[in-house]
């Protein structure tokens, strides 16, 4: 699975801030791995369900939504991307809108005031000026030995472009954090967002998406724009409902889109 990287990832500081929220929480850093999400899913299915944050300097088989590849960007002097996964047992009354709540937390950590136009693109991307800055992949597993009523194991995978990234093969050119934070480093970014992310996931478990709805709306990059769904349906995006569904006004009326398997693009942008 790789060896511990030479660079410091503030493992002890992150663990110290998060452990009061998640007893037994640990931070693991590796130099290289196939996919942090894949590794935590493997562990969960084998019955290892302790809360953990797994960060890698390099992923060789990273995954995005719908099975798309997501590889770590590298620069000689420092990682040009931050790739990590948070794993923890979770039992919300309703899972709807979790990826949106995660997006709100990450966007607010990266751009607290909104001055840099870090926005949220339903259901799980963070954009800057229509360019992807962050991808989020949420998966869950039920351990083989778990009781039917046991909490599922949540794995939240996050990939953030820290430095310049090639756009070859991407539908839209990427954005990166150093465009407005020239001294940003992957370890420091991880330190800034880990504890707020855990707090947000726990808040979602307790209260659902509703407490995040207005915060999502404030950064919604699709609201008020003509959009096209992956099935060819076109319409006007009217924002996100309180249950996390995307609202699209089409010729057939208002549609509520709830499936993560549906891709959405502003009109004129290709899939």
Protein backbone atom coordinates (compact mmCIF):
# COMPACT_ATOMS: atom_id res chain seq x y z
CA UNK A 1 0.00 0.00 0.00
CA UNK A 2 3.02 2.26 0.07
CA UNK A 3 5.19 3.77 2.73
CA UNK A 4 4.73 6.78 4.92
CA UNK A 5 5.58 9.89 2.87
CA UNK A 6 8.47 12.09 3.83
CA UNK A 7 6.33 15.24 3.98
CA UNK A 8 4.44 16.01 7.20
CA UNK A 9 0.67 15.68 7.00
CA UNK A 10 -0.06 17.03 10.49
CA UNK A 11 -1.42 13.61 11.46
CA UNK A 12 -1.19 14.22 15.21
CA UNK A 13 -2.77 17.68 15.04
CA UNK A 14 -5.66 16.49 12.89
CA UNK A 15 -6.26 13.46 15.11
CA UNK A 16 -6.22 15.64 18.22
CA UNK A 17 -8.94 17.94 16.87
CA UNK A 18 -11.14 15.19 15.46
CA UNK A 19 -10.83 12.46 18.13
CA UNK A 20 -13.16 14.28 20.59
CA UNK A 21 -15.83 14.09 17.88
CA UNK A 22 -14.98 10.55 16.74
CA UNK A 23 -13.41 8.43 19.50
CA UNK A 24 -10.73 6.15 18.13
CA UNK A 25 -10.14 8.37 15.10
CA UNK A 26 -6.75 8.04 13.38
CA UNK A 27 -4.94 9.65 10.46
CA UNK A 28 -2.85 7.55 8.06
CA UNK A 29 -0.57 8.99 5.37
CA UNK A 30 0.95 6.93 2.56
CA UNK A 31 3.19 7.82 -0.37
CA UNK A 32 1.30 5.79 -2.96
CA UNK A 33 -1.88 3.74 -3.17
CA UNK A 34 -4.29 2.55 -5.81
CA UNK A 35 -7.22 4.53 -4.36
CA UNK A 36 -7.89 5.78 -0.86
CA UNK A 37 -11.62 5.10 -1.33
CA UNK A 38 -10.98 1.60 -2.61
CA UNK A 39 -8.73 0.82 0.36
CA UNK A 40 -11.25 1.99 2.95
CA UNK A 41 -14.05 0.09 1.20
CA UNK A 42 -11.89 -3.05 1.30
CA UNK A 43 -11.32 -2.57 5.00
CA UNK A 44 -14.99 -1.97 5.74
CA UNK A 45 -16.13 -5.09 3.93
CA UNK A 46 -13.57 -7.05 5.95
CA UNK A 47 -15.04 -5.67 9.18
CA UNK A 48 -12.57 -2.85 9.89
CA UNK A 49 -14.88 0.07 10.62
CA UNK A 50 -12.84 2.36 12.85
CA UNK A 51 -13.01 6.07 11.93
CA UNK A 52 -9.99 7.05 9.88
CA UNK A 53 -8.67 9.62 7.44
CA UNK A 54 -6.40 8.11 4.78
CA UNK A 55 -4.34 10.53 2.69
CA UNK A 56 -2.04 9.65 -0.21
CA UNK A 57 0.58 11.67 -2.03
CA UNK A 58 -0.19 9.68 -5.18
CA UNK A 59 -3.09 7.54 -6.37
CA UNK A 60 -2.51 5.11 -9.23
CA UNK A 61 -6.15 4.10 -9.74
CA UNK A 62 -8.17 6.95 -8.32
CA UNK A 63 -11.87 6.99 -9.09
CA UNK A 64 -14.41 9.71 -9.60
CA UNK A 65 -18.16 9.58 -9.97
CA UNK A 66 -19.64 7.10 -12.47
CA UNK A 67 -16.36 5.17 -12.48
CA UNK A 68 -14.35 7.91 -14.13
CA UNK A 69 -10.60 7.89 -13.42
CA UNK A 70 -9.10 10.57 -11.18
CA UNK A 71 -5.34 10.55 -10.86
CA UNK A 72 -3.18 12.61 -8.56
CA UNK A 73 -1.28 15.48 -10.14
CA UNK A 74 2.40 15.64 -9.26
CA UNK A 75 5.06 18.34 -9.25
CA UNK A 76 8.72 17.81 -8.39
CA UNK A 77 8.71 20.08 -5.35
CA UNK A 78 5.35 19.14 -3.78
CA UNK A 79 2.09 17.28 -4.40
CA UNK A 80 0.00 19.27 -6.85
CA UNK A 81 -3.16 17.64 -5.58
CA UNK A 82 -4.69 16.55 -2.30
CA UNK A 83 -6.35 13.14 -2.35
CA UNK A 84 -7.83 11.63 0.78
CA UNK A 85 -10.75 9.62 2.11
CA UNK A 86 -12.63 9.90 5.37
CA UNK A 87 -14.13 6.67 6.68
CA UNK A 88 -16.59 6.41 9.58
CA UNK A 89 -19.75 4.54 10.61
CA UNK A 90 -22.86 6.61 9.92
CA UNK A 91 -26.59 6.06 10.37
CA UNK A 92 -28.58 9.09 9.16
CA UNK A 93 -32.35 8.84 8.89
CA UNK A 94 -32.02 9.81 5.21
CA UNK A 95 -28.86 9.77 3.09
CA UNK A 96 -30.25 12.22 0.51
CA UNK A 97 -28.08 15.30 0.08
CA UNK A 98 -24.96 14.02 1.87
CA UNK A 99 -22.64 14.80 -1.05
CA UNK A 100 -24.07 18.33 -1.13
CA UNK A 101 -23.44 18.82 2.58
CA UNK A 102 -19.86 17.60 2.13
CA UNK A 103 -19.43 20.02 -0.76
CA UNK A 104 -20.67 22.91 1.36
CA UNK A 105 -18.15 22.10 4.09
CA UNK A 106 -15.18 21.83 1.71
CA UNK A 107 -16.11 24.95 -0.28
CA UNK A 108 -16.46 27.02 2.89
CA UNK A 109 -13.08 25.80 4.16
CA UNK A 110 -11.35 26.67 0.87
CA UNK A 111 -13.09 30.03 0.39
CA UNK A 112 -14.76 31.18 3.63
CA UNK A 113 -15.99 34.53 2.34
CA UNK A 114 -16.87 33.50 -1.21
CA UNK A 115 -14.48 36.12 -2.55
CA UNK A 116 -12.89 33.65 -4.98
CA UNK A 117 -16.19 32.37 -6.38
CA UNK A 118 -15.72 28.80 -5.19
CA UNK A 119 -19.11 27.34 -6.09
CA UNK A 120 -21.01 24.07 -5.87
CA UNK A 121 -22.10 22.09 -8.89
CA UNK A 122 -24.76 19.48 -8.11
CA UNK A 123 -24.29 16.78 -6.98
CA UNK A 124 -20.63 16.56 -5.94
CA UNK A 125 -18.21 18.92 -7.68
CA UNK A 126 -16.74 22.23 -6.61
CA UNK A 127 -16.12 24.71 -9.42
CA UNK A 128 -14.39 28.06 -9.90
CA UNK A 129 -15.57 30.00 -12.95
CA UNK A 130 -17.03 26.82 -14.52
CA UNK A 131 -13.76 24.95 -13.97
CA UNK A 132 -13.53 21.95 -11.66
CA UNK A 133 -11.47 22.46 -8.51
CA UNK A 134 -12.66 19.57 -6.34
CA UNK A 135 -14.28 16.21 -6.93
CA UNK A 136 -16.17 14.26 -4.26
CA UNK A 137 -16.98 10.55 -4.31
CA UNK A 138 -19.20 9.08 -1.60
CA UNK A 139 -19.56 5.35 -1.11
CA UNK A 140 -20.92 3.13 1.66
CA UNK A 141 -20.29 -0.46 2.68
CA UNK A 142 -21.95 -2.91 5.04
CA UNK A 143 -19.43 -5.18 6.79
CA UNK A 144 -20.06 -8.86 6.15
CA UNK A 145 -20.44 -9.56 9.85
CA UNK A 146 -22.68 -6.60 10.64
CA UNK A 147 -26.21 -6.89 11.98
CA UNK A 148 -28.97 -5.83 9.54
CA UNK A 149 -29.69 -2.75 11.66
CA UNK A 150 -26.04 -1.73 12.02
CA UNK A 151 -24.72 1.61 10.79
CA UNK A 152 -23.23 1.57 7.33
CA UNK A 153 -19.59 2.52 6.86
CA UNK A 154 -19.31 5.82 5.01
CA UNK A 155 -16.33 6.61 2.80
CA UNK A 156 -15.99 10.21 1.59
CA UNK A 157 -13.30 10.59 -1.07
CA UNK A 158 -12.07 14.07 -1.93
CA UNK A 159 -9.65 15.21 -4.61
CA UNK A 160 -8.49 18.84 -4.71
CA UNK A 161 -6.29 20.46 -7.34
CA UNK A 162 -3.65 22.35 -5.36
CA UNK A 163 -1.29 23.31 -8.20
CA UNK A 164 -1.55 23.46 -12.02
CA UNK A 165 -3.07 20.40 -13.60
CA UNK A 166 -3.16 19.27 -17.22
CA UNK A 167 -6.62 19.37 -18.77
CA UNK A 168 -6.07 16.72 -21.42
CA UNK A 169 -9.07 14.43 -21.69
CA UNK A 170 -11.20 16.51 -19.33
CA UNK A 171 -14.54 17.95 -20.38
CA UNK A 172 -13.64 21.31 -18.90
CA UNK A 173 -10.22 22.75 -18.00
CA UNK A 174 -9.42 22.35 -14.30
CA UNK A 175 -8.97 25.07 -11.70
CA UNK A 176 -6.43 24.91 -8.90
CA UNK A 177 -6.10 26.45 -5.46
CA UNK A 178 -2.76 28.19 -5.99
CA UNK A 179 -4.42 30.46 -8.54
CA UNK A 180 -5.47 32.59 -5.54
CA UNK A 181 -3.49 30.99 -2.71
CA UNK A 182 0.02 30.81 -4.24
CA UNK A 183 1.59 29.33 -1.09
CA UNK A 184 -1.08 26.67 -0.51
CA UNK A 185 0.20 23.19 0.30
CA UNK A 186 -1.69 19.91 0.39
CA UNK A 187 -0.91 19.18 4.08
CA UNK A 188 -2.02 22.65 5.20
CA UNK A 189 -5.24 22.39 3.20
CA UNK A 190 -5.97 19.01 4.76
CA UNK A 191 -5.37 20.44 8.22
CA UNK A 192 -7.79 23.30 7.58
CA UNK A 193 -10.69 21.24 6.32
CA UNK A 194 -10.54 17.88 8.18
CA UNK A 195 -12.23 18.87 11.43
CA UNK A 196 -14.97 21.02 9.80
CA UNK A 197 -15.66 18.14 7.40
CA UNK A 198 -16.18 15.67 10.24
CA UNK A 199 -18.42 18.16 12.06
CA UNK A 200 -20.49 18.59 8.89
CA UNK A 201 -20.92 14.84 8.38
CA UNK A 202 -22.03 14.43 12.00
CA UNK A 203 -24.42 17.37 11.63
CA UNK A 204 -25.86 15.72 8.53
CA UNK A 205 -26.31 12.47 10.44
CA UNK A 206 -28.28 14.29 13.14
CA UNK A 207 -30.30 16.74 11.04
CA UNK A 208 -30.12 15.77 7.35
CA UNK A 209 -29.55 18.19 4.48
CA UNK A 210 -31.94 20.94 5.63
CA UNK A 211 -29.35 22.91 7.69
CA UNK A 212 -27.07 22.99 4.62
CA UNK A 213 -29.69 23.99 2.03
CA UNK A 214 -29.30 27.77 2.23
CA UNK A 215 -25.51 27.52 2.37
CA UNK A 216 -25.58 25.36 -0.76
CA UNK A 217 -27.91 27.82 -2.51
CA UNK A 218 -25.47 30.68 -1.80
CA UNK A 219 -22.81 28.86 -3.89
CA UNK A 220 -25.01 27.02 -6.42
CA UNK A 221 -23.36 27.46 -9.84
CA UNK A 222 -26.28 25.93 -11.78
CA UNK A 223 -29.20 27.87 -10.34
CA UNK A 224 -30.77 30.21 -12.89
CA UNK A 225 -28.90 28.64 -15.82
CA UNK A 226 -30.10 26.56 -18.72
CA UNK A 227 -28.88 23.01 -18.19
CA UNK A 228 -28.85 19.74 -20.07
CA UNK A 229 -29.12 16.34 -18.40
CA UNK A 230 -27.15 13.32 -19.58
CA UNK A 231 -30.34 11.87 -21.12
CA UNK A 232 -30.70 14.95 -23.32
CA UNK A 233 -33.43 16.65 -21.29
CA UNK A 234 -32.99 20.42 -21.19
CA UNK A 235 -34.44 23.05 -18.91
CA UNK A 236 -33.88 25.89 -16.48
CA UNK A 237 -32.23 24.98 -13.18
CA UNK A 238 -34.25 26.32 -10.26
CA UNK A 239 -31.79 25.32 -7.57
CA UNK A 240 -31.80 22.49 -5.08
CA UNK A 241 -34.78 21.39 -3.00
CA UNK A 242 -34.67 20.90 0.77
CA UNK A 243 -34.19 17.18 0.23
CA UNK A 244 -31.13 17.75 -1.97
CA UNK A 245 -32.86 17.12 -5.30
CA UNK A 246 -31.93 19.26 -8.31
CA UNK A 247 -34.93 21.19 -9.63
CA UNK A 248 -35.09 21.57 -13.40
CA UNK A 249 -37.97 23.34 -15.16
CA UNK A 250 -38.53 21.54 -18.48
CA UNK A 251 -41.22 21.69 -21.15
CA UNK A 252 -42.94 18.88 -19.25
CA UNK A 253 -42.90 20.78 -15.97
CA UNK A 254 -40.66 20.81 -12.92
CA UNK A 255 -38.46 17.74 -12.57
CA UNK A 256 -36.75 16.74 -9.34
CA UNK A 257 -33.47 14.99 -10.09
CA UNK A 258 -32.25 12.84 -7.22
CA UNK A 259 -30.05 10.20 -8.84
CA UNK A 260 -26.29 10.56 -8.66
CA UNK A 261 -26.22 8.57 -11.89
CA UNK A 262 -27.54 11.59 -13.78
CA UNK A 263 -24.96 14.10 -15.00
CA UNK A 264 -25.83 17.77 -15.47
CA UNK A 265 -24.05 20.42 -17.49
CA UNK A 266 -24.80 24.08 -18.19
CA UNK A 267 -26.24 24.43 -21.68
CA UNK A 268 -23.50 24.35 -24.31
CA UNK A 269 -20.98 22.40 -22.23
CA UNK A 270 -20.32 18.83 -23.32
CA UNK A 271 -20.51 15.73 -21.13
